[in-house]
N, C-alpha and C. Protein backbone atom coordinates (compact mmCIF):
# COMPACT_ATOMS: atom_id res chain seq x y z
N MET A 1 2.14 -16.98 18.34
CA MET A 1 1.69 -16.93 16.96
C MET A 1 0.87 -18.18 16.61
N ARG A 2 1.33 -19.33 17.09
CA ARG A 2 0.63 -20.57 16.77
C ARG A 2 -0.81 -20.58 17.27
N PRO A 3 -1.10 -20.13 18.50
CA PRO A 3 -2.51 -20.11 18.93
C PRO A 3 -3.39 -19.20 18.07
N LEU A 4 -2.82 -18.11 17.59
CA LEU A 4 -3.58 -17.21 16.73
C LEU A 4 -3.95 -17.88 15.42
N VAL A 5 -3.01 -18.55 14.81
CA VAL A 5 -3.27 -19.22 13.53
C VAL A 5 -4.18 -20.42 13.73
N GLU A 6 -4.01 -21.16 14.83
CA GLU A 6 -4.87 -22.31 15.09
C GLU A 6 -6.30 -21.90 15.41
N SER A 7 -6.50 -20.68 15.85
CA SER A 7 -7.85 -20.23 16.20
C SER A 7 -8.67 -19.82 14.97
N LEU A 8 -8.05 -19.78 13.80
CA LEU A 8 -8.80 -19.42 12.59
C LEU A 8 -9.83 -20.50 12.26
N THR A 9 -11.03 -20.05 11.94
CA THR A 9 -12.07 -20.98 11.50
C THR A 9 -12.10 -20.97 9.98
N TRP A 10 -12.99 -21.77 9.44
CA TRP A 10 -13.11 -21.84 7.98
C TRP A 10 -13.50 -20.46 7.44
N THR A 11 -14.45 -19.80 8.10
CA THR A 11 -14.94 -18.50 7.65
C THR A 11 -13.92 -17.39 7.88
N SER A 12 -13.28 -17.38 9.02
CA SER A 12 -12.30 -16.33 9.27
C SER A 12 -11.10 -16.46 8.34
N GLY A 13 -10.78 -17.68 7.96
CA GLY A 13 -9.71 -17.88 6.98
C GLY A 13 -10.04 -17.25 5.64
N PHE A 14 -11.33 -17.31 5.25
CA PHE A 14 -11.77 -16.64 4.02
C PHE A 14 -11.41 -15.16 4.07
N PHE A 15 -11.75 -14.53 5.17
CA PHE A 15 -11.53 -13.09 5.29
C PHE A 15 -10.05 -12.73 5.34
N VAL A 16 -9.28 -13.53 6.06
CA VAL A 16 -7.84 -13.25 6.15
C VAL A 16 -7.19 -13.38 4.78
N VAL A 17 -7.48 -14.45 4.06
CA VAL A 17 -6.89 -14.65 2.74
C VAL A 17 -7.39 -13.59 1.76
N ALA A 18 -8.67 -13.25 1.82
CA ALA A 18 -9.22 -12.25 0.90
C ALA A 18 -8.59 -10.88 1.15
N VAL A 19 -8.44 -10.49 2.40
CA VAL A 19 -7.86 -9.18 2.70
C VAL A 19 -6.38 -9.14 2.31
N MET A 20 -5.65 -10.18 2.65
CA MET A 20 -4.23 -10.19 2.29
C MET A 20 -4.04 -10.22 0.77
N SER A 21 -4.87 -10.98 0.07
CA SER A 21 -4.78 -11.03 -1.38
C SER A 21 -5.15 -9.70 -2.01
N SER A 22 -6.15 -9.03 -1.45
CA SER A 22 -6.56 -7.73 -1.97
C SER A 22 -5.46 -6.69 -1.81
N VAL A 23 -4.82 -6.69 -0.65
CA VAL A 23 -3.74 -5.73 -0.43
C VAL A 23 -2.58 -6.00 -1.39
N LEU A 24 -2.23 -7.25 -1.57
CA LEU A 24 -1.13 -7.55 -2.50
C LEU A 24 -1.54 -7.30 -3.95
N ALA A 25 -2.83 -7.40 -4.26
CA ALA A 25 -3.30 -7.13 -5.62
C ALA A 25 -3.15 -5.65 -5.98
N LEU A 26 -3.12 -4.78 -4.97
CA LEU A 26 -2.86 -3.37 -5.25
C LEU A 26 -1.49 -3.18 -5.89
N PHE A 27 -0.57 -4.04 -5.53
CA PHE A 27 0.78 -3.95 -6.10
C PHE A 27 0.93 -4.79 -7.36
N THR A 28 0.37 -6.01 -7.36
CA THR A 28 0.51 -6.87 -8.54
C THR A 28 -0.36 -6.40 -9.70
N GLY A 29 -1.37 -5.59 -9.42
CA GLY A 29 -2.21 -5.05 -10.48
C GLY A 29 -1.49 -4.08 -11.38
N ARG A 30 -0.34 -3.61 -10.94
CA ARG A 30 0.47 -2.68 -11.74
C ARG A 30 1.51 -3.38 -12.60
N LEU A 31 1.60 -4.70 -12.50
CA LEU A 31 2.58 -5.43 -13.31
C LEU A 31 2.26 -5.26 -14.78
N GLN A 32 3.29 -5.09 -15.56
CA GLN A 32 3.08 -4.73 -16.95
C GLN A 32 2.66 -5.89 -17.85
N PRO A 33 3.38 -6.98 -17.95
CA PRO A 33 2.86 -8.03 -18.84
C PRO A 33 1.55 -8.59 -18.27
N THR A 34 0.55 -8.64 -19.10
CA THR A 34 -0.77 -9.10 -18.67
C THR A 34 -0.72 -10.52 -18.14
N ALA A 35 0.05 -11.37 -18.79
CA ALA A 35 0.15 -12.76 -18.34
C ALA A 35 0.72 -12.84 -16.93
N LEU A 36 1.72 -12.05 -16.64
CA LEU A 36 2.33 -12.05 -15.32
C LEU A 36 1.34 -11.55 -14.27
N ARG A 37 0.53 -10.59 -14.64
CA ARG A 37 -0.48 -10.05 -13.73
C ARG A 37 -1.51 -11.12 -13.37
N TRP A 38 -1.98 -11.89 -14.35
CA TRP A 38 -2.98 -12.91 -14.08
C TRP A 38 -2.38 -14.13 -13.37
N ILE A 39 -1.15 -14.42 -13.65
CA ILE A 39 -0.48 -15.50 -12.91
C ILE A 39 -0.37 -15.12 -11.44
N ALA A 40 0.01 -13.88 -11.18
CA ALA A 40 0.08 -13.40 -9.79
C ALA A 40 -1.29 -13.40 -9.13
N CYS A 41 -2.32 -13.13 -9.90
CA CYS A 41 -3.69 -13.11 -9.38
C CYS A 41 -4.12 -14.48 -8.89
N ILE A 42 -3.56 -15.53 -9.46
CA ILE A 42 -3.90 -16.89 -9.05
C ILE A 42 -2.92 -17.44 -8.02
N LEU A 43 -1.64 -17.23 -8.26
CA LEU A 43 -0.63 -17.84 -7.39
C LEU A 43 -0.51 -17.18 -6.02
N VAL A 44 -0.67 -15.88 -5.93
CA VAL A 44 -0.51 -15.19 -4.64
C VAL A 44 -1.57 -15.65 -3.64
N PRO A 45 -2.87 -15.66 -3.98
CA PRO A 45 -3.85 -16.16 -3.01
C PRO A 45 -3.66 -17.65 -2.67
N ALA A 46 -3.26 -18.43 -3.67
CA ALA A 46 -3.02 -19.86 -3.40
C ALA A 46 -1.86 -20.03 -2.42
N ALA A 47 -0.81 -19.25 -2.60
CA ALA A 47 0.34 -19.34 -1.69
C ALA A 47 -0.04 -18.84 -0.29
N ILE A 48 -0.83 -17.79 -0.21
CA ILE A 48 -1.25 -17.28 1.09
C ILE A 48 -2.09 -18.32 1.83
N SER A 49 -3.05 -18.92 1.15
CA SER A 49 -3.91 -19.90 1.82
C SER A 49 -3.12 -21.14 2.21
N TYR A 50 -2.21 -21.58 1.37
CA TYR A 50 -1.37 -22.73 1.69
C TYR A 50 -0.51 -22.45 2.92
N CYS A 51 0.13 -21.31 2.93
CA CYS A 51 0.99 -20.95 4.07
C CYS A 51 0.18 -20.74 5.35
N LEU A 52 -0.98 -20.13 5.23
CA LEU A 52 -1.82 -19.90 6.40
C LEU A 52 -2.31 -21.23 6.98
N TYR A 53 -2.67 -22.17 6.12
CA TYR A 53 -3.16 -23.45 6.61
C TYR A 53 -2.05 -24.28 7.26
N TRP A 54 -0.89 -24.32 6.64
CA TRP A 54 0.18 -25.18 7.14
C TRP A 54 1.07 -24.51 8.18
N SER A 55 0.89 -23.24 8.47
CA SER A 55 1.75 -22.57 9.43
C SER A 55 1.70 -23.16 10.85
N PRO A 56 0.56 -23.68 11.36
CA PRO A 56 0.62 -24.32 12.67
C PRO A 56 1.54 -25.55 12.69
N VAL A 57 1.56 -26.29 11.59
CA VAL A 57 2.45 -27.45 11.51
C VAL A 57 3.90 -26.99 11.49
N TRP A 58 4.17 -25.94 10.75
CA TRP A 58 5.54 -25.41 10.70
C TRP A 58 5.96 -24.85 12.05
N LEU A 59 4.98 -24.44 12.87
CA LEU A 59 5.28 -23.90 14.19
C LEU A 59 5.26 -24.97 15.28
N GLY A 60 5.07 -26.25 14.90
CA GLY A 60 5.21 -27.33 15.86
C GLY A 60 3.98 -28.17 16.13
N ALA A 61 2.86 -27.94 15.49
CA ALA A 61 1.66 -28.75 15.72
C ALA A 61 1.81 -30.11 15.04
N ASN A 62 1.03 -31.08 15.48
CA ASN A 62 1.05 -32.41 14.90
C ASN A 62 0.41 -32.37 13.52
N SER A 63 1.10 -32.89 12.53
CA SER A 63 0.63 -32.77 11.15
C SER A 63 -0.37 -33.85 10.73
N SER A 64 -0.61 -34.86 11.55
CA SER A 64 -1.47 -35.97 11.14
C SER A 64 -2.90 -35.53 10.84
N GLU A 65 -3.43 -34.62 11.62
CA GLU A 65 -4.79 -34.15 11.41
C GLU A 65 -4.88 -33.17 10.24
N TYR A 66 -3.84 -32.44 10.00
CA TYR A 66 -3.87 -31.40 8.97
C TYR A 66 -3.92 -31.97 7.56
N TRP A 67 -3.30 -33.11 7.32
CA TRP A 67 -3.30 -33.69 5.98
C TRP A 67 -4.71 -34.01 5.49
N SER A 68 -5.53 -34.53 6.37
CA SER A 68 -6.86 -34.96 5.94
C SER A 68 -7.81 -33.79 5.65
N TRP A 69 -7.55 -32.63 6.23
CA TRP A 69 -8.43 -31.47 6.05
C TRP A 69 -7.87 -30.43 5.08
N SER A 70 -6.73 -30.66 4.52
CA SER A 70 -6.07 -29.61 3.73
C SER A 70 -6.91 -29.17 2.52
N VAL A 71 -7.51 -30.12 1.81
CA VAL A 71 -8.29 -29.77 0.61
C VAL A 71 -9.52 -28.95 0.98
N VAL A 72 -10.13 -29.29 2.12
CA VAL A 72 -11.35 -28.60 2.56
C VAL A 72 -11.08 -27.14 2.89
N PHE A 73 -9.87 -26.83 3.34
CA PHE A 73 -9.55 -25.47 3.72
C PHE A 73 -8.80 -24.71 2.62
N VAL A 74 -7.79 -25.31 2.05
CA VAL A 74 -6.90 -24.58 1.13
C VAL A 74 -7.61 -24.17 -0.15
N ILE A 75 -8.38 -25.05 -0.74
CA ILE A 75 -9.03 -24.72 -2.02
C ILE A 75 -10.09 -23.60 -1.86
N PRO A 76 -11.02 -23.69 -0.90
CA PRO A 76 -11.97 -22.57 -0.76
C PRO A 76 -11.30 -21.26 -0.36
N TRP A 77 -10.31 -21.32 0.51
CA TRP A 77 -9.59 -20.10 0.88
C TRP A 77 -8.91 -19.51 -0.34
N SER A 78 -8.32 -20.36 -1.18
CA SER A 78 -7.67 -19.87 -2.40
C SER A 78 -8.67 -19.22 -3.34
N LEU A 79 -9.83 -19.84 -3.49
CA LEU A 79 -10.85 -19.27 -4.38
C LEU A 79 -11.35 -17.92 -3.86
N ALA A 80 -11.51 -17.80 -2.56
CA ALA A 80 -11.92 -16.50 -1.99
C ALA A 80 -10.86 -15.45 -2.26
N GLY A 81 -9.60 -15.82 -2.11
CA GLY A 81 -8.51 -14.89 -2.38
C GLY A 81 -8.41 -14.53 -3.85
N ILE A 82 -8.64 -15.49 -4.72
CA ILE A 82 -8.57 -15.23 -6.15
C ILE A 82 -9.69 -14.27 -6.57
N LEU A 83 -10.89 -14.47 -6.03
CA LEU A 83 -11.99 -13.55 -6.35
C LEU A 83 -11.70 -12.14 -5.87
N ALA A 84 -11.22 -12.01 -4.65
CA ALA A 84 -10.90 -10.68 -4.12
C ALA A 84 -9.75 -10.05 -4.89
N SER A 85 -8.74 -10.83 -5.19
CA SER A 85 -7.59 -10.33 -5.93
C SER A 85 -7.98 -9.89 -7.34
N THR A 86 -8.84 -10.65 -7.98
CA THR A 86 -9.30 -10.30 -9.33
C THR A 86 -10.09 -8.98 -9.31
N ALA A 87 -10.97 -8.83 -8.34
CA ALA A 87 -11.76 -7.60 -8.25
C ALA A 87 -10.87 -6.38 -8.04
N VAL A 88 -9.91 -6.49 -7.14
CA VAL A 88 -9.01 -5.36 -6.88
C VAL A 88 -8.13 -5.10 -8.09
N MET A 89 -7.64 -6.15 -8.72
CA MET A 89 -6.76 -5.98 -9.88
C MET A 89 -7.48 -5.30 -11.04
N ILE A 90 -8.73 -5.66 -11.26
CA ILE A 90 -9.51 -5.01 -12.32
C ILE A 90 -9.73 -3.54 -11.97
N GLY A 91 -10.01 -3.27 -10.71
CA GLY A 91 -10.16 -1.88 -10.28
C GLY A 91 -8.89 -1.07 -10.45
N VAL A 92 -7.76 -1.65 -10.15
CA VAL A 92 -6.47 -0.96 -10.32
C VAL A 92 -6.23 -0.67 -11.80
N ARG A 93 -6.50 -1.64 -12.64
CA ARG A 93 -6.28 -1.44 -14.08
C ARG A 93 -7.21 -0.36 -14.64
N GLN A 94 -8.45 -0.32 -14.20
CA GLN A 94 -9.37 0.72 -14.66
C GLN A 94 -8.92 2.09 -14.18
N TYR A 95 -8.45 2.16 -12.95
CA TYR A 95 -7.94 3.43 -12.42
C TYR A 95 -6.74 3.90 -13.23
N LEU A 96 -5.83 2.99 -13.53
CA LEU A 96 -4.63 3.38 -14.29
C LEU A 96 -4.98 3.81 -15.71
N ARG A 97 -5.96 3.14 -16.33
CA ARG A 97 -6.39 3.55 -17.68
C ARG A 97 -7.02 4.93 -17.65
N ALA A 98 -7.87 5.18 -16.66
CA ALA A 98 -8.52 6.49 -16.55
C ALA A 98 -7.49 7.58 -16.26
N LYS A 99 -6.53 7.27 -15.44
CA LYS A 99 -5.47 8.25 -15.13
C LYS A 99 -4.64 8.55 -16.38
N HIS A 100 -4.35 7.50 -17.14
CA HIS A 100 -3.58 7.69 -18.38
C HIS A 100 -4.38 8.50 -19.41
N ALA A 101 -5.69 8.26 -19.48
CA ALA A 101 -6.54 8.98 -20.45
C ALA A 101 -6.64 10.46 -20.07
N ARG A 102 -6.69 10.78 -18.77
CA ARG A 102 -6.74 12.17 -18.35
C ARG A 102 -5.43 12.91 -18.64
N ASN A 103 -4.32 12.21 -18.50
CA ASN A 103 -3.01 12.83 -18.71
C ASN A 103 -2.63 12.94 -20.18
N ALA A 104 -3.31 12.22 -21.04
CA ALA A 104 -2.94 12.22 -22.47
C ALA A 104 -3.55 13.36 -23.21
C-alpha cells in the first residue's frame, strides 16, 4: 500500500481526491440541514487530502521530508476536492428538487 500512495504525483493526487470527494458528495448531498451539507462539502475533501498525503508517514516513511511539502500538496488537493464535491452536491440537490416537484 505504501508504494502505491508514495507513487502519487501532484496531478494524480488531484484526481484521486476529486473522485473520492465526488463519490462521497453523492451521499453528503442528501444531508438535510443546509449548514451540515456545506460543512461536509469542505471538511470531507480536506480530510481526504490530509489522510492521503500523510498516509506514507503513517505506514512507516520518514516524516522529515513530508513536513516541508505538506502545504504545497494538501491545500491544492483540498481545493480540487472541494470544487468537485460542490459540483456534485449541487447536482444532487437539483435532482432531488426536480424529483420532488414531479411527485408533488
